Amino acid sequence: MSSYATVLSDLPCGERLAVWTVRRLVGPVHPMPSCAGGAGLSVNTRSALGLFLPCNRREFADVAQAFHNALAWMARHRLPLPDIAMAGVMHITDAERRLLAATAAAQAGHDDEARTALRDVSSHDGVVARLMPAITLLGACLAGAGYWLGARVARPVLHCGPHYVTSAVMSASGHA
């Protein structure tokens, strides 16, 4: 994920879709007034199957179930839930950024990097173990729909450019 991105519109299309999907599947439920003047509906009331194209609804339902299992386990163990914004919020939370990095790493086959990114969401090994299938399935579904996030987990720089010495440094050291 682009490290500079703090708002949804700064992300590439595939990354926006990944964040949107996580928000719709596991984000907080907030009442939303109905356009028809009837009872308010919550933002996340639609079933997971109704959110996606018919060709991949079943796969995304599996993603929804995997996230539900992970969050239900966290709730049962009274662990803090990740900070996931509600749908429609433009700001990207740190937890969403880390989940996106983990999804990108898992999609690229870098499971160790994905686990490292998930440890930033929660240091509890049980949380990492339960979120890993969810982000792996999410990455696979996005790839199946043509959205490759790429391995964007921060890595150390492997190659440093040549060091250039200014003339002032050279004259101070006795080289001309």
C-alpha atoms as a PDB file:
ATOM      1  CA  MET A   1       0.000   0.000   0.000  1.00  0.00           C
ATOM      2  CA  SER A   2       1.181   3.486  -0.680  1.00  0.00           C
ATOM      3  CA  SER A   3       2.670   4.714   2.590  1.00  0.00           C
ATOM      4  CA  TYR A   4       1.577   8.305   1.955  1.00  0.00           C
ATOM      5  CA  ALA A   5      -2.103   7.481   1.505  1.00  0.00           C
ATOM      6  CA  THR A   6      -4.273   8.672   4.354  1.00  0.00           C
ATOM      7  CA  VAL A   7      -7.529   9.012   2.441  1.00  0.00           C
ATOM      8  CA  LEU A   8      -9.346   6.449   0.364  1.00  0.00           C
ATOM      9  CA  SER A   9      -9.211   8.474  -2.839  1.00  0.00           C
ATOM     10  CA  ASP A  10      -5.371   8.424  -2.767  1.00  0.00           C
ATOM     11  CA  LEU A  11      -5.319   4.630  -3.117  1.00  0.00           C
ATOM     12  CA  PRO A  12      -5.193   2.704  -6.389  1.00  0.00           C
ATOM     13  CA  CYS A  13      -8.493   1.109  -7.414  1.00  0.00           C
ATOM     14  CA  GLY A  14      -7.703  -2.407  -6.141  1.00  0.00           C
ATOM     15  CA  GLU A  15      -6.645  -1.107  -2.733  1.00  0.00           C
ATOM     16  CA  ARG A  16      -9.785   1.038  -2.465  1.00  0.00           C
ATOM     17  CA  LEU A  17     -11.853  -2.055  -3.246  1.00  0.00           C
ATOM     18  CA  ALA A  18     -10.015  -4.051  -0.561  1.00  0.00           C
ATOM     19  CA  VAL A  19     -10.613  -1.369   2.095  1.00  0.00           C
ATOM     20  CA  TRP A  20     -14.244  -0.978   1.017  1.00  0.00           C
ATOM     21  CA  THR A  21     -14.750  -4.744   1.224  1.00  0.00           C
ATOM     22  CA  VAL A  22     -13.283  -4.954   4.732  1.00  0.00           C
ATOM     23  CA  ARG A  23     -15.432  -2.034   5.843  1.00  0.00           C
ATOM     24  CA  ARG A  24     -18.606  -3.551   4.434  1.00  0.00           C
ATOM     25  CA  LEU A  25     -17.901  -6.990   5.864  1.00  0.00           C
ATOM     26  CA  VAL A  26     -16.579  -6.164   9.334  1.00  0.00           C
ATOM     27  CA  GLY A  27     -16.903  -2.445   9.933  1.00  0.00           C
ATOM     28  CA  PRO A  28     -19.117  -0.933  12.593  1.00  0.00           C
ATOM     29  CA  VAL A  29     -22.844  -0.867  12.106  1.00  0.00           C
ATOM     30  CA  HIS A  30     -24.302   2.650  12.152  1.00  0.00           C
ATOM     31  CA  PRO A  31     -27.956   3.494  11.634  1.00  0.00           C
ATOM     32  CA  MET A  32     -28.691   5.210   8.370  1.00  0.00           C
ATOM     33  CA  PRO A  33     -32.004   6.918   7.613  1.00  0.00           C
ATOM     34  CA  SER A  34     -34.086   5.324   4.923  1.00  0.00           C
ATOM     35  CA  CYS A  35     -34.696   7.304   1.740  1.00  0.00           C
ATOM     36  CA  ALA A  36     -38.330   6.199   1.729  1.00  0.00           C
ATOM     37  CA  GLY A  37     -38.885   7.584   5.216  1.00  0.00           C
ATOM     38  CA  GLY A  38     -39.278   4.131   6.728  1.00  0.00           C
ATOM     39  CA  ALA A  39     -37.288   2.619   9.542  1.00  0.00           C
ATOM     40  CA  GLY A  40     -33.552   3.342   9.515  1.00  0.00           C
ATOM     41  CA  LEU A  41     -31.279   0.686   8.084  1.00  0.00           C
ATOM     42  CA  SER A  42     -27.781  -0.019   9.263  1.00  0.00           C
ATOM     43  CA  VAL A  43     -24.904   0.485   6.851  1.00  0.00           C
ATOM     44  CA  ASN A  44     -23.910  -3.169   7.023  1.00  0.00           C
ATOM     45  CA  THR A  45     -27.356  -4.811   6.930  1.00  0.00           C
ATOM     46  CA  ARG A  46     -26.971  -6.309   3.473  1.00  0.00           C
ATOM     47  CA  SER A  47     -25.839  -9.891   3.383  1.00  0.00           C
ATOM     48  CA  ALA A  48     -22.346 -10.560   2.100  1.00  0.00           C
ATOM     49  CA  LEU A  49     -23.858 -12.241  -0.944  1.00  0.00           C
ATOM     50  CA  GLY A  50     -25.686  -9.077  -1.986  1.00  0.00           C
ATOM     51  CA  LEU A  51     -22.535  -6.954  -2.082  1.00  0.00           C
ATOM     52  CA  PHE A  52     -20.774  -8.564  -5.008  1.00  0.00           C
ATOM     53  CA  LEU A  53     -21.287  -9.689  -8.590  1.00  0.00           C
ATOM     54  CA  PRO A  54     -23.013 -13.068  -8.997  1.00  0.00           C
ATOM     55  CA  CYS A  55     -19.829 -14.654 -10.386  1.00  0.00           C
ATOM     56  CA  ASN A  56     -17.954 -14.318  -7.087  1.00  0.00           C
ATOM     57  CA  ARG A  57     -20.598 -13.937  -4.391  1.00  0.00           C
ATOM     58  CA  ARG A  58     -19.923 -17.358  -2.890  1.00  0.00           C
ATOM     59  CA  GLU A  59     -16.192 -16.626  -2.533  1.00  0.00           C
ATOM     60  CA  PHE A  60     -16.824 -13.273  -0.865  1.00  0.00           C
ATOM     61  CA  ALA A  61     -19.313 -14.955   1.468  1.00  0.00           C
ATOM     62  CA  ASP A  62     -16.400 -17.151   2.573  1.00  0.00           C
ATOM     63  CA  VAL A  63     -14.319 -14.005   3.158  1.00  0.00           C
ATOM     64  CA  ALA A  64     -17.169 -12.551   5.243  1.00  0.00           C
ATOM     65  CA  GLN A  65     -17.405 -15.754   7.282  1.00  0.00           C
ATOM     66  CA  ALA A  66     -13.638 -15.815   7.885  1.00  0.00           C
ATOM     67  CA  PHE A  67     -13.663 -12.205   9.131  1.00  0.00           C
ATOM     68  CA  HIS A  68     -16.745 -12.923  11.251  1.00  0.00           C
ATOM     69  CA  ASN A  69     -15.017 -15.949  12.833  1.00  0.00           C
ATOM     70  CA  ALA A  70     -11.911 -13.905  13.657  1.00  0.00           C
ATOM     71  CA  LEU A  71     -13.844 -10.992  15.154  1.00  0.00           C
ATOM     72  CA  ALA A  72     -16.197 -13.266  17.098  1.00  0.00           C
ATOM     73  CA  TRP A  73     -13.174 -15.052  18.584  1.00  0.00           C
ATOM     74  CA  MET A  74     -11.675 -11.678  19.567  1.00  0.00           C
ATOM     75  CA  ALA A  75     -14.948 -10.613  21.192  1.00  0.00           C
ATOM     76  CA  ARG A  76     -15.234 -13.899  23.133  1.00  0.00           C
ATOM     77  CA  HIS A  77     -11.709 -13.378  24.484  1.00  0.00           C
ATOM     78  CA  ARG A  78     -12.440  -9.721  25.255  1.00  0.00           C
ATOM     79  CA  LEU A  79      -9.695  -8.512  22.954  1.00  0.00           C
ATOM     80  CA  PRO A  80      -9.998  -5.074  21.353  1.00  0.00           C
ATOM     81  CA  LEU A  81     -11.457  -5.188  17.858  1.00  0.00           C
ATOM     82  CA  PRO A  82      -9.517  -3.552  15.023  1.00  0.00           C
ATOM     83  CA  ASP A  83     -10.358   0.060  14.249  1.00  0.00           C
ATOM     84  CA  ILE A  84     -12.340  -0.338  11.027  1.00  0.00           C
ATOM     85  CA  ALA A  85     -14.163   2.742   9.777  1.00  0.00           C
ATOM     86  CA  MET A  86     -17.751   2.603   8.613  1.00  0.00           C
ATOM     87  CA  ALA A  87     -18.471   2.578   4.898  1.00  0.00           C
ATOM     88  CA  GLY A  88     -18.301   6.042   3.373  1.00  0.00           C
ATOM     89  CA  VAL A  89     -15.529   7.424   5.591  1.00  0.00           C
ATOM     90  CA  MET A  90     -12.683   8.831   3.486  1.00  0.00           C
ATOM     91  CA  HIS A  91      -9.917   8.560   6.137  1.00  0.00           C
ATOM     92  CA  ILE A  92      -8.013   5.259   6.302  1.00  0.00           C
ATOM     93  CA  THR A  93      -7.381   3.954   9.812  1.00  0.00           C
ATOM     94  CA  ASP A  94      -4.054   2.446  10.873  1.00  0.00           C
ATOM     95  CA  ALA A  95      -5.724  -0.951  11.285  1.00  0.00           C
ATOM     96  CA  GLU A  96      -7.129  -0.751   7.739  1.00  0.00           C
ATOM     97  CA  ARG A  97      -3.700   0.211   6.434  1.00  0.00           C
ATOM     98  CA  ARG A  98      -2.156  -2.799   8.173  1.00  0.00           C
ATOM     99  CA  LEU A  99      -4.886  -5.162   6.971  1.00  0.00           C
ATOM    100  CA  LEU A 100      -4.331  -3.875   3.448  1.00  0.00           C
ATOM    101  CA  ALA A 101      -0.579  -4.453   3.732  1.00  0.00           C
ATOM    102  CA  ALA A 102      -1.226  -7.966   5.054  1.00  0.00           C
ATOM    103  CA  THR A 103      -3.669  -8.687   2.222  1.00  0.00           C
ATOM    104  CA  ALA A 104      -1.179  -7.466  -0.379  1.00  0.00           C
ATOM    105  CA  ALA A 105       1.587  -9.596   1.125  1.00  0.00           C
ATOM    106  CA  ALA A 106      -0.646 -12.688   1.329  1.00  0.00           C
ATOM    107  CA  GLN A 107      -1.796 -12.160  -2.250  1.00  0.00           C
ATOM    108  CA  ALA A 108       1.871 -12.094  -3.345  1.00  0.00           C
ATOM    109  CA  GLY A 109       2.579 -15.291  -1.395  1.00  0.00           C
ATOM    110  CA  HIS A 110       4.585 -13.583   1.369  1.00  0.00           C
ATOM    111  CA  ASP A 111       2.839 -15.169   4.345  1.00  0.00           C
ATOM    112  CA  ASP A 112       5.542 -14.202   6.852  1.00  0.00           C
ATOM    113  CA  GLU A 113       5.200 -10.537   5.870  1.00  0.00           C
ATOM    114  CA  ALA A 114       1.423 -10.853   6.085  1.00  0.00           C
ATOM    115  CA  ARG A 115       1.688 -12.236   9.616  1.00  0.00           C
ATOM    116  CA  THR A 116       4.066  -9.419  10.557  1.00  0.00           C
ATOM    117  CA  ALA A 117       1.564  -6.840   9.289  1.00  0.00           C
ATOM    118  CA  LEU A 118      -1.242  -8.604  11.198  1.00  0.00           C
ATOM    119  CA  ARG A 119       0.832  -8.490  14.395  1.00  0.00           C
ATOM    120  CA  ASP A 120       0.594  -4.703  14.064  1.00  0.00           C
ATOM    121  CA  VAL A 121      -3.200  -5.084  14.162  1.00  0.00           C
ATOM    122  CA  SER A 122      -2.957  -7.268  17.284  1.00  0.00           C
ATOM    123  CA  SER A 123       0.080  -8.795  18.928  1.00  0.00           C
ATOM    124  CA  HIS A 124      -2.017 -11.737  20.153  1.00  0.00           C
ATOM    125  CA  ASP A 125      -1.015 -14.883  18.226  1.00  0.00           C
ATOM    126  CA  GLY A 126      -4.610 -16.142  18.248  1.00  0.00           C
ATOM    127  CA  VAL A 127      -5.791 -13.011  16.442  1.00  0.00           C
ATOM    128  CA  VAL A 128      -3.069 -13.322  13.813  1.00  0.00           C
ATOM    129  CA  ALA A 129      -3.913 -16.998  13.289  1.00  0.00           C
ATOM    130  CA  ARG A 130      -7.609 -16.190  12.812  1.00  0.00           C
ATOM    131  CA  LEU A 131      -7.173 -13.114  10.613  1.00  0.00           C
ATOM    132  CA  MET A 132      -4.693 -14.847   8.298  1.00  0.00           C
ATOM    133  CA  PRO A 133      -7.330 -17.004   6.514  1.00  0.00           C
ATOM    134  CA  ALA A 134      -9.591 -13.952   6.139  1.00  0.00           C
ATOM    135  CA  ILE A 135      -6.982 -11.756   4.475  1.00  0.00           C
ATOM    136  CA  THR A 136      -5.701 -14.671   2.372  1.00  0.00           C
ATOM    137  CA  LEU A 137      -9.222 -15.333   1.067  1.00  0.00           C
ATOM    138  CA  LEU A 138      -9.754 -11.617   0.476  1.00  0.00           C
ATOM    139  CA  GLY A 139      -6.519 -11.421  -1.533  1.00  0.00           C
ATOM    140  CA  ALA A 140      -7.499 -14.494  -3.563  1.00  0.00           C
ATOM    141  CA  CYS A 141     -10.965 -13.095  -4.315  1.00  0.00           C
ATOM    142  CA  LEU A 142      -9.547  -9.743  -5.373  1.00  0.00           C
ATOM    143  CA  ALA A 143      -7.005 -11.478  -7.615  1.00  0.00           C
ATOM    144  CA  GLY A 144      -9.772 -13.602  -9.110  1.00  0.00           C
ATOM    145  CA  ALA A 145     -11.635 -10.402  -9.936  1.00  0.00           C
ATOM    146  CA  GLY A 146      -8.483  -8.960 -11.556  1.00  0.00           C
ATOM    147  CA  TYR A 147      -7.272  -6.763  -8.688  1.00  0.00           C
ATOM    148  CA  TRP A 148      -3.638  -7.466  -7.813  1.00  0.00           C
ATOM    149  CA  LEU A 149      -2.523  -5.380  -4.879  1.00  0.00           C
ATOM    150  CA  GLY A 150       1.149  -6.221  -5.188  1.00  0.00           C
ATOM    151  CA  ALA A 151       3.529  -6.801  -2.312  1.00  0.00           C
ATOM    152  CA  ARG A 152       3.566  -3.363  -0.727  1.00  0.00           C
ATOM    153  CA  VAL A 153       4.665  -4.296   2.771  1.00  0.00           C
ATOM    154  CA  ALA A 154       7.607  -2.094   3.706  1.00  0.00           C
ATOM    155  CA  ARG A 155      10.891  -3.879   3.200  1.00  0.00           C
ATOM    156  CA  PRO A 156      14.416  -2.730   3.974  1.00  0.00           C
ATOM    157  CA  VAL A 157      16.225  -1.042   1.120  1.00  0.00           C
ATOM    158  CA  LEU A 158      18.472  -3.631  -0.511  1.00  0.00           C
ATOM    159  CA  HIS A 159      20.462  -1.330  -2.765  1.00  0.00           C
ATOM    160  CA  CYS A 160      21.888   2.027  -1.883  1.00  0.00           C
ATOM    161  CA  GLY A 161      22.825   4.474  -4.606  1.00  0.00           C
ATOM    162  CA  PRO A 162      26.383   5.731  -4.977  1.00  0.00           C
ATOM    163  CA  HIS A 163      27.560   8.285  -2.478  1.00  0.00           C
ATOM    164  CA  TYR A 164      28.400  11.595  -4.104  1.00  0.00           C
ATOM    165  CA  VAL A 165      30.921  13.847  -2.479  1.00  0.00           C
ATOM    166  CA  THR A 166      30.646  17.584  -2.917  1.00  0.00           C
ATOM    167  CA  SER A 167      33.678  19.698  -3.729  1.00  0.00           C
ATOM    168  CA  ALA A 168      33.476  21.343  -0.299  1.00  0.00           C
ATOM    169  CA  VAL A 169      33.899  17.956   1.397  1.00  0.00           C
ATOM    170  CA  MET A 170      36.754  17.019  -0.919  1.00  0.00           C
ATOM    171  CA  SER A 171      38.673  20.276  -0.294  1.00  0.00           C
ATOM    172  CA  ALA A 172      38.182  19.927   3.472  1.00  0.00           C
ATOM    173  CA  SER A 173      39.647  16.427   3.421  1.00  0.00           C
ATOM    174  CA  GLY A 174      42.671  17.477   1.353  1.00  0.00           C
ATOM    175  CA  HIS A 175      41.516  16.078  -2.008  1.00  0.00           C
ATOM    176  CA  ALA A 176      41.276  18.472  -4.870  1.00  0.00           C
END
